[in-house]
Structure formats: structure tokens, C-alpha cells
Amino acid sequence: MPVCVAAVAVDIYCEYALVKRGESSVAWAIFHGTLKVAADILPLALATFGPVGSLIGVGFSIGTRWCSDYIRKLEAEIGEMLPVA
């Protein structure tokens, strides 16, 4: 449980830092932060199903982080293609 709490705190801080540096909007930071927090808590909820539940939870967490990173890259590519108004 302390690992999940620490992971949630780190995710929230990282999203805050991205917004502060201007690398992300508040809306996208909320989206990615919520996605990562759900991924951090899911293994804890699935642990009641034993080792298989834990493996599924960890796999989901890793997959969610990969998807979040991929979405950020797509967002950056789309931003580069749009004309500056």
C-alpha cells in the first residue's frame, strides 16, 4: 500500500511540474494524472485475486503508462502540424 501511495504522489507531482514548465495543459495533465492514478491503484484492488490478479494489475499499469506516453507524443506531433494563428 505505501508503494501505491508513493506512486500516486509522484505521478501528481510530475504532472504538476509539466504544467508549470509549460509542456502540458491543465486539461491534459488532469487526463494523464487520472489515468496514471487509476493504474497505480488497480494492482492493489486486483491483489485480492492472488498472484494472477497482481500480474494483471501490474501489466495494466505498465500498459497504461505506455499509452499515456504515446498519447503525449501524438499530441506533440499534432501540435507541430497545426498552423500558428
PDB file of N, CA and C in Angstrom:
ATOM      1  N   MET A   1       0.806  -1.199   0.000  1.00  0.00           N
ATOM      2  CA  MET A   1       0.000   0.000   0.000  1.00  0.00           C
ATOM      3  C   MET A   1       0.855   1.272   0.000  1.00  0.00           C
ATOM      4  N   PRO A   2       1.931   1.366   0.806  1.00  0.00           N
ATOM      5  CA  PRO A   2       2.752   2.588   0.763  1.00  0.00           C
ATOM      6  C   PRO A   2       3.354   2.842  -0.621  1.00  0.00           C
ATOM      7  N   VAL A   3       3.637   1.770  -1.361  1.00  0.00           N
ATOM      8  CA  VAL A   3       4.193   1.939  -2.702  1.00  0.00           C
ATOM      9  C   VAL A   3       3.156   2.596  -3.612  1.00  0.00           C
ATOM     10  N   CYS A   4       1.898   2.192  -3.484  1.00  0.00           N
ATOM     11  CA  CYS A   4       0.836   2.793  -4.309  1.00  0.00           C
ATOM     12  C   CYS A   4       0.660   4.274  -3.975  1.00  0.00           C
ATOM     13  N   VAL A   5       0.707   4.601  -2.688  1.00  0.00           N
ATOM     14  CA  VAL A   5       0.554   5.999  -2.266  1.00  0.00           C
ATOM     15  C   VAL A   5       1.730   6.830  -2.789  1.00  0.00           C
ATOM     16  N   ALA A   6       2.931   6.286  -2.704  1.00  0.00           N
ATOM     17  CA  ALA A   6       4.106   6.997  -3.205  1.00  0.00           C
ATOM     18  C   ALA A   6       4.020   7.184  -4.721  1.00  0.00           C
ATOM     19  N   ALA A   7       3.562   6.160  -5.432  1.00  0.00           N
ATOM     20  CA  ALA A   7       3.439   6.256  -6.888  1.00  0.00           C
ATOM     21  C   ALA A   7       2.415   7.315  -7.284  1.00  0.00           C
ATOM     22  N   VAL A   8       1.308   7.369  -6.563  1.00  0.00           N
ATOM     23  CA  VAL A   8       0.280   8.384  -6.846  1.00  0.00           C
ATOM     24  C   VAL A   8       0.848   9.779  -6.611  1.00  0.00           C
ATOM     25  N   ALA A   9       1.572   9.957  -5.501  1.00  0.00           N
ATOM     26  CA  ALA A   9       2.155  11.267  -5.187  1.00  0.00           C
ATOM     27  C   ALA A   9       3.163  11.687  -6.259  1.00  0.00           C
ATOM     28  N   VAL A  10       3.987  10.773  -6.709  1.00  0.00           N
ATOM     29  CA  VAL A  10       4.986  11.085  -7.743  1.00  0.00           C
ATOM     30  C   VAL A  10       4.295  11.437  -9.059  1.00  0.00           C
ATOM     31  N   ASP A  11       3.256  10.692  -9.422  1.00  0.00           N
ATOM     32  CA  ASP A  11       2.531  10.984 -10.668  1.00  0.00           C
ATOM     33  C   ASP A  11       1.903  12.367 -10.637  1.00  0.00           C
ATOM     34  N   ILE A  12       1.278  12.704  -9.525  1.00  0.00           N
ATOM     35  CA  ILE A  12       0.636  14.021  -9.411  1.00  0.00           C
ATOM     36  C   ILE A  12       1.696  15.122  -9.477  1.00  0.00           C
ATOM     37  N   TYR A  13       2.815  14.927  -8.796  1.00  0.00           N
ATOM     38  CA  TYR A  13       3.882  15.933  -8.837  1.00  0.00           C
ATOM     39  C   TYR A  13       4.451  16.088 -10.252  1.00  0.00           C
ATOM     40  N   CYS A  14       4.647  14.978 -10.951  1.00  0.00           N
ATOM     41  CA  CYS A  14       5.197  15.044 -12.312  1.00  0.00           C
ATOM     42  C   CYS A  14       4.261  15.795 -13.251  1.00  0.00           C
ATOM     43  N   GLU A  15       2.969  15.548 -13.129  1.00  0.00           N
ATOM     44  CA  GLU A  15       2.010  16.266 -13.970  1.00  0.00           C
ATOM     45  C   GLU A  15       2.006  17.755 -13.630  1.00  0.00           C
ATOM     46  N   TYR A  16       2.092  18.071 -12.352  1.00  0.00           N
ATOM     47  CA  TYR A  16       2.161  19.471 -11.920  1.00  0.00           C
ATOM     48  C   TYR A  16       3.401  20.142 -12.503  1.00  0.00           C
ATOM     49  N   ALA A  17       4.536  19.437 -12.464  1.00  0.00           N
ATOM     50  CA  ALA A  17       5.783  20.002 -12.991  1.00  0.00           C
ATOM     51  C   ALA A  17       5.690  20.240 -14.500  1.00  0.00           C
ATOM     52  N   LEU A  18       5.028  19.334 -15.232  1.00  0.00           N
ATOM     53  CA  LEU A  18       4.865  19.520 -16.675  1.00  0.00           C
ATOM     54  C   LEU A  18       4.033  20.766 -16.985  1.00  0.00           C
ATOM     55  N   VAL A  19       2.983  20.988 -16.208  1.00  0.00           N
ATOM     56  CA  VAL A  19       2.157  22.175 -16.414  1.00  0.00           C
ATOM     57  C   VAL A  19       2.943  23.425 -16.062  1.00  0.00           C
ATOM     58  N   LYS A  20       3.696  23.365 -14.988  1.00  0.00           N
ATOM     59  CA  LYS A  20       4.474  24.529 -14.540  1.00  0.00           C
ATOM     60  C   LYS A  20       5.526  24.923 -15.579  1.00  0.00           C
ATOM     61  N   ARG A  21       6.140  23.920 -16.232  1.00  0.00           N
ATOM     62  CA  ARG A  21       7.143  24.196 -17.272  1.00  0.00           C
ATOM     63  C   ARG A  21       6.504  24.580 -18.599  1.00  0.00           C
ATOM     64  N   GLY A  22       5.199  24.452 -18.712  1.00  0.00           N
ATOM     65  CA  GLY A  22       4.514  24.792 -19.948  1.00  0.00           C
ATOM     66  C   GLY A  22       4.529  23.691 -20.993  1.00  0.00           C
ATOM     67  N   GLU A  23       4.874  22.477 -20.598  1.00  0.00           N
ATOM     68  CA  GLU A  23       4.939  21.359 -21.534  1.00  0.00           C
ATOM     69  C   GLU A  23       3.609  20.631 -21.682  1.00  0.00           C
ATOM     70  N   SER A  24       2.637  20.980 -20.852  1.00  0.00           N
ATOM     71  CA  SER A  24       1.330  20.332 -20.902  1.00  0.00           C
ATOM     72  C   SER A  24       0.276  21.330 -20.446  1.00  0.00           C
ATOM     73  N   SER A  25      -0.927  21.154 -20.958  1.00  0.00           N
ATOM     74  CA  SER A  25      -2.030  21.992 -20.492  1.00  0.00           C
ATOM     75  C   SER A  25      -2.612  21.371 -19.222  1.00  0.00           C
ATOM     76  N   VAL A  26      -3.391  22.149 -18.515  1.00  0.00           N
ATOM     77  CA  VAL A  26      -4.005  21.646 -17.289  1.00  0.00           C
ATOM     78  C   VAL A  26      -4.958  20.496 -17.615  1.00  0.00           C
ATOM     79  N   ALA A  27      -5.715  20.616 -18.689  1.00  0.00           N
ATOM     80  CA  ALA A  27      -6.660  19.563 -19.062  1.00  0.00           C
ATOM     81  C   ALA A  27      -5.947  18.244 -19.363  1.00  0.00           C
ATOM     82  N   TRP A  28      -4.851  18.321 -20.131  1.00  0.00           N
ATOM     83  CA  TRP A  28      -4.111  17.097 -20.439  1.00  0.00           C
ATOM     84  C   TRP A  28      -3.433  16.536 -19.196  1.00  0.00           C
ATOM     85  N   ALA A  29      -2.969  17.404 -18.325  1.00  0.00           N
ATOM     86  CA  ALA A  29      -2.343  16.928 -17.079  1.00  0.00           C
ATOM     87  C   ALA A  29      -3.360  16.208 -16.207  1.00  0.00           C
ATOM     88  N   ILE A  30      -4.584  16.716 -16.158  1.00  0.00           N
ATOM     89  CA  ILE A  30      -5.633  16.037 -15.391  1.00  0.00           C
ATOM     90  C   ILE A  30      -5.943  14.679 -16.012  1.00  0.00           C
ATOM     91  N   PHE A  31      -6.025  14.632 -17.340  1.00  0.00           N
ATOM     92  CA  PHE A  31      -6.292  13.370 -18.035  1.00  0.00           C
ATOM     93  C   PHE A  31      -5.202  12.339 -17.742  1.00  0.00           C
ATOM     94  N   HIS A  32      -3.950  12.718 -17.972  1.00  0.00           N
ATOM     95  CA  HIS A  32      -2.847  11.786 -17.769  1.00  0.00           C
ATOM     96  C   HIS A  32      -2.688  11.429 -16.293  1.00  0.00           C
ATOM     97  N   GLY A  33      -2.877  12.406 -15.419  1.00  0.00           N
ATOM     98  CA  GLY A  33      -2.780  12.134 -13.988  1.00  0.00           C
ATOM     99  C   GLY A  33      -3.828  11.146 -13.519  1.00  0.00           C
ATOM    100  N   THR A  34      -5.054  11.319 -13.988  1.00  0.00           N
ATOM    101  CA  THR A  34      -6.126  10.392 -13.618  1.00  0.00           C
ATOM    102  C   THR A  34      -5.848   8.995 -14.148  1.00  0.00           C
ATOM    103  N   LEU A  35      -5.369   8.919 -15.366  1.00  0.00           N
ATOM    104  CA  LEU A  35      -5.029   7.630 -15.963  1.00  0.00           C
ATOM    105  C   LEU A  35      -3.942   6.922 -15.152  1.00  0.00           C
ATOM    106  N   LYS A  36      -2.905   7.659 -14.777  1.00  0.00           N
ATOM    107  CA  LYS A  36      -1.806   7.065 -14.017  1.00  0.00           C
ATOM    108  C   LYS A  36      -2.222   6.681 -12.597  1.00  0.00           C
ATOM    109  N   VAL A  37      -3.058   7.501 -11.954  1.00  0.00           N
ATOM    110  CA  VAL A  37      -3.519   7.173 -10.603  1.00  0.00           C
ATOM    111  C   VAL A  37      -4.355   5.896 -10.631  1.00  0.00           C
ATOM    112  N   ALA A  38      -5.227   5.763 -11.639  1.00  0.00           N
ATOM    113  CA  ALA A  38      -6.010   4.531 -11.761  1.00  0.00           C
ATOM    114  C   ALA A  38      -5.091   3.326 -11.969  1.00  0.00           C
ATOM    115  N   ALA A  39      -4.047   3.514 -12.761  1.00  0.00           N
ATOM    116  CA  ALA A  39      -3.096   2.426 -12.995  1.00  0.00           C
ATOM    117  C   ALA A  39      -2.309   2.084 -11.734  1.00  0.00           C
ATOM    118  N   ASP A  40      -2.060   3.075 -10.869  1.00  0.00           N
ATOM    119  CA  ASP A  40      -1.330   2.821  -9.632  1.00  0.00           C
ATOM    120  C   ASP A  40      -2.181   2.074  -8.615  1.00  0.00           C
ATOM    121  N   ILE A  41      -3.478   2.352  -8.591  1.00  0.00           N
ATOM    122  CA  ILE A  41      -4.353   1.762  -7.575  1.00  0.00           C
ATOM    123  C   ILE A  41      -4.879   0.386  -7.997  1.00  0.00           C
ATOM    124  N   LEU A  42      -5.005   0.135  -9.291  1.00  0.00           N
ATOM    125  CA  LEU A  42      -5.573  -1.121  -9.762  1.00  0.00           C
ATOM    126  C   LEU A  42      -4.854  -2.368  -9.254  1.00  0.00           C
ATOM    127  N   PRO A  43      -3.515  -2.424  -9.259  1.00  0.00           N
ATOM    128  CA  PRO A  43      -2.866  -3.632  -8.723  1.00  0.00           C
ATOM    129  C   PRO A  43      -3.238  -3.909  -7.263  1.00  0.00           C
ATOM    130  N   LEU A  44      -3.458  -2.862  -6.503  1.00  0.00           N
ATOM    131  CA  LEU A  44      -3.870  -3.034  -5.115  1.00  0.00           C
ATOM    132  C   LEU A  44      -5.257  -3.671  -5.040  1.00  0.00           C
ATOM    133  N   ALA A  45      -6.164  -3.234  -5.909  1.00  0.00           N
ATOM    134  CA  ALA A  45      -7.514  -3.794  -5.920  1.00  0.00           C
ATOM    135  C   ALA A  45      -7.527  -5.226  -6.441  1.00  0.00           C
ATOM    136  N   LEU A  46      -6.693  -5.528  -7.423  1.00  0.00           N
ATOM    137  CA  LEU A  46      -6.667  -6.871  -8.001  1.00  0.00           C
ATOM    138  C   LEU A  46      -5.856  -7.863  -7.177  1.00  0.00           C
ATOM    139  N   ALA A  47      -5.141  -7.391  -6.173  1.00  0.00           N
ATOM    140  CA  ALA A  47      -4.337  -8.287  -5.339  1.00  0.00           C
ATOM    141  C   ALA A  47      -5.200  -9.297  -4.589  1.00  0.00           C
ATOM    142  N   THR A  48      -6.486  -8.997  -4.417  1.00  0.00           N
ATOM    143  CA  THR A  48      -7.370  -9.941  -3.731  1.00  0.00           C
ATOM    144  C   THR A  48      -7.575 -11.216  -4.534  1.00  0.00           C
ATOM    145  N   PHE A  49      -7.275 -11.172  -5.831  1.00  0.00           N
ATOM    146  CA  PHE A  49      -7.416 -12.356  -6.678  1.00  0.00           C
ATOM    147  C   PHE A  49      -6.149 -13.203  -6.707  1.00  0.00           C
ATOM    148  N   GLY A  50      -5.175 -12.859  -5.891  1.00  0.00           N
ATOM    149  CA  GLY A  50      -3.951 -13.642  -5.793  1.00  0.00           C
ATOM    150  C   GLY A  50      -2.906 -13.200  -6.797  1.00  0.00           C
ATOM    151  N   PRO A  51      -1.948 -14.089  -7.054  1.00  0.00           N
ATOM    152  CA  PRO A  51      -0.835 -13.734  -7.938  1.00  0.00           C
ATOM    153  C   PRO A  51      -1.283 -13.366  -9.354  1.00  0.00           C
ATOM    154  N   VAL A  52      -2.305 -14.034  -9.861  1.00  0.00           N
ATOM    155  CA  VAL A  52      -2.768 -13.732 -11.210  1.00  0.00           C
ATOM    156  C   VAL A  52      -3.340 -12.316 -11.262  1.00  0.00           C
ATOM    157  N   GLY A  53      -4.107 -11.936 -10.249  1.00  0.00           N
ATOM    158  CA  GLY A  53      -4.652 -10.587 -10.192  1.00  0.00           C
ATOM    159  C   GLY A  53      -3.560  -9.537 -10.113  1.00  0.00           C
ATOM    160  N   SER A  54      -2.524  -9.835  -9.334  1.00  0.00           N
ATOM    161  CA  SER A  54      -1.405  -8.894  -9.221  1.00  0.00           C
ATOM    162  C   SER A  54      -0.682  -8.736 -10.549  1.00  0.00           C
ATOM    163  N   LEU A  55      -0.467  -9.837 -11.253  1.00  0.00           N
ATOM    164  CA  LEU A  55       0.198  -9.767 -12.565  1.00  0.00           C
ATOM    165  C   LEU A  55      -0.634  -8.979 -13.566  1.00  0.00           C
ATOM    166  N   ILE A  56      -1.939  -9.199 -13.558  1.00  0.00           N
ATOM    167  CA  ILE A  56      -2.812  -8.440 -14.456  1.00  0.00           C
ATOM    168  C   ILE A  56      -2.750  -6.956 -14.111  1.00  0.00           C
ATOM    169  N   GLY A  57      -2.780  -6.632 -12.819  1.00  0.00           N
ATOM    170  CA  GLY A  57      -2.714  -5.240 -12.389  1.00  0.00           C
ATOM    171  C   GLY A  57      -1.417  -4.566 -12.785  1.00  0.00           C
ATOM    172  N   VAL A  58      -0.298  -5.252 -12.598  1.00  0.00           N
ATOM    173  CA  VAL A  58       1.000  -4.688 -12.970  1.00  0.00           C
ATOM    174  C   VAL A  58       1.091  -4.534 -14.492  1.00  0.00           C
ATOM    175  N   GLY A  59       0.598  -5.530 -15.222  1.00  0.00           N
ATOM    176  CA  GLY A  59       0.592  -5.426 -16.685  1.00  0.00           C
ATOM    177  C   GLY A  59      -0.256  -4.262 -17.162  1.00  0.00           C
ATOM    178  N   PHE A  60      -1.409  -4.064 -16.523  1.00  0.00           N
ATOM    179  CA  PHE A  60      -2.264  -2.936 -16.876  1.00  0.00           C
ATOM    180  C   PHE A  60      -1.565  -1.620 -16.564  1.00  0.00           C
ATOM    181  N   SER A  61      -0.871  -1.564 -15.443  1.00  0.00           N
ATOM    182  CA  SER A  61      -0.160  -0.350 -15.055  1.00  0.00           C
ATOM    183  C   SER A  61       0.928   0.001 -16.069  1.00  0.00           C
ATOM    184  N   ILE A  62       1.686  -0.974 -16.476  1.00  0.00           N
ATOM    185  CA  ILE A  62       2.746  -0.744 -17.466  1.00  0.00           C
ATOM    186  C   ILE A  62       2.139  -0.330 -18.809  1.00  0.00           C
ATOM    187  N   GLY A  63       1.080  -1.005 -19.220  1.00  0.00           N
ATOM    188  CA  GLY A  63       0.414  -0.670 -20.474  1.00  0.00           C
ATOM    189  C   GLY A  63      -0.182   0.728 -20.461  1.00  0.00           C
ATOM    190  N   THR A  64      -0.743   1.112 -19.332  1.00  0.00           N
ATOM    191  CA  THR A  64      -1.337   2.442 -19.213  1.00  0.00           C
ATOM    192  C   THR A  64      -0.272   3.522 -19.327  1.00  0.00           C
ATOM    193  N   ARG A  65       0.870   3.300 -18.702  1.00  0.00           N
ATOM    194  CA  ARG A  65       1.955   4.280 -18.795  1.00  0.00           C
ATOM    195  C   ARG A  65       2.487   4.384 -20.222  1.00  0.00           C
ATOM    196  N   TRP A  66       2.558   3.259 -20.920  1.00  0.00           N
ATOM    197  CA  TRP A  66       2.994   3.279 -22.320  1.00  0.00           C
ATOM    198  C   TRP A  66       1.994   4.071 -23.147  1.00  0.00           C
ATOM    199  N   CYS A  67       0.691   3.816 -22.941  1.00  0.00           N
ATOM    200  CA  CYS A  67      -0.353   4.541 -23.686  1.00  0.00           C
ATOM    201  C   CYS A  67      -0.296   6.040 -23.396  1.00  0.00           C
ATOM    202  N   SER A  68      -0.081   6.396 -22.145  1.00  0.00           N
ATOM    203  CA  SER A  68      -0.003   7.802 -21.778  1.00  0.00           C
ATOM    204  C   SER A  68       1.166   8.478 -22.489  1.00  0.00           C
ATOM    205  N   ASP A  69       2.299   7.816 -22.532  1.00  0.00           N
ATOM    206  CA  ASP A  69       3.466   8.364 -23.228  1.00  0.00           C
ATOM    207  C   ASP A  69       3.192   8.487 -24.729  1.00  0.00           C
ATOM    208  N   TYR A  70       2.548   7.488 -25.297  1.00  0.00           N
ATOM    209  CA  TYR A  70       2.221   7.505 -26.726  1.00  0.00           C
ATOM    210  C   TYR A  70       1.265   8.646 -27.041  1.00  0.00           C
ATOM    211  N   ILE A  71       0.269   8.870 -26.196  1.00  0.00           N
ATOM    212  CA  ILE A  71      -0.678   9.966 -26.402  1.00  0.00           C
ATOM    213  C   ILE A  71       0.046  11.309 -26.338  1.00  0.00           C
ATOM    214  N   ARG A  72       0.991  11.456 -25.409  1.00  0.00           N
ATOM    215  CA  ARG A  72       1.765  12.708 -25.325  1.00  0.00           C
ATOM    216  C   ARG A  72       2.562  12.948 -26.600  1.00  0.00           C
ATOM    217  N   LYS A  73       3.166  11.893 -27.148  1.00  0.00           N
ATOM    218  CA  LYS A  73       3.926  12.039 -28.396  1.00  0.00           C
ATOM    219  C   LYS A  73       3.012  12.425 -29.551  1.00  0.00           C
ATOM    220  N   LEU A  74       1.833  11.806 -29.641  1.00  0.00           N
ATOM    221  CA  LEU A  74       0.880  12.168 -30.687  1.00  0.00           C
ATOM    222  C   LEU A  74       0.418  13.614 -30.538  1.00  0.00           C
ATOM    223  N   GLU A  75       0.177  14.019 -29.300  1.00  0.00           N
ATOM    224  CA  GLU A  75      -0.230  15.398 -29.034  1.00  0.00           C
ATOM    225  C   GLU A  75       0.839  16.374 -29.517  1.00  0.00           C
ATOM    226  N   ALA A  76       2.101  16.060 -29.281  1.00  0.00           N
ATOM    227  CA  ALA A  76       3.199  16.930 -29.717  1.00  0.00           C
ATOM    228  C   ALA A  76       3.285  16.967 -31.243  1.00  0.00           C
ATOM    229  N   GLU A  77       3.125  15.822 -31.899  1.00  0.00           N
ATOM    230  CA  GLU A  77       3.179  15.779 -33.358  1.00  0.00           C
ATOM    231  C   GLU A  77       2.030  16.575 -33.974  1.00  0.00           C
ATOM    232  N   ILE A  78       0.839  16.437 -33.410  1.00  0.00           N
ATOM    233  CA  ILE A  78      -0.316  17.181 -33.922  1.00  0.00           C
ATOM    234  C   ILE A  78      -0.105  18.676 -33.715  1.00  0.00           C
ATOM    235  N   GLY A  79       0.441  19.040 -32.569  1.00  0.00           N
ATOM    236  CA  GLY A  79       0.714  20.452 -32.284  1.00  0.00           C
ATOM    237  C   GLY A  79       1.698  21.050 -33.273  1.00  0.00           C
ATOM    238  N   GLU A  80       2.676  20.263 -33.735  1.00  0.00           N
ATOM    239  CA  GLU A  80       3.649  20.752 -34.700  1.00  0.00           C
ATOM    240  C   GLU A  80       3.032  20.919 -36.090  1.00  0.00           C
ATOM    241  N   MET A  81       2.013  20.112 -36.415  1.00  0.00           N
ATOM    242  CA  MET A  81       1.391  20.176 -37.736  1.00  0.00           C
ATOM    243  C   MET A  81       0.393  21.309 -37.852  1.00  0.00           C
ATOM    244  N   LEU A  82      -0.156  21.770 -36.741  1.00  0.00           N
ATOM    245  CA  LEU A  82      -1.152  22.839 -36.798  1.00  0.00           C
ATOM    246  C   LEU A  82      -0.493  24.179 -37.077  1.00  0.00           C
ATOM    247  N   PRO A  83      -1.138  24.981 -37.916  1.00  0.00           N
ATOM    248  CA  PRO A  83      -0.571  26.309 -38.204  1.00  0.00           C
ATOM    249  C   PRO A  83      -0.693  27.223 -36.984  1.00  0.00           C
ATOM    250  N   VAL A  84       0.279  28.075 -36.821  1.00  0.00           N
ATOM    251  CA  VAL A  84       0.263  29.029 -35.715  1.00  0.00           C
ATOM    252  C   VAL A  84      -0.660  30.174 -36.097  1.00  0.00           C
ATOM    253  N   ALA A  85      -1.605  30.476 -35.236  1.00  0.00           N
ATOM    254  CA  ALA A  85      -2.578  31.548 -35.556  1.00  0.00           C
ATOM    255  C   ALA A  85      -2.040  32.910 -35.195  1.00  0.00           C
TER     256      ALA A  85
END
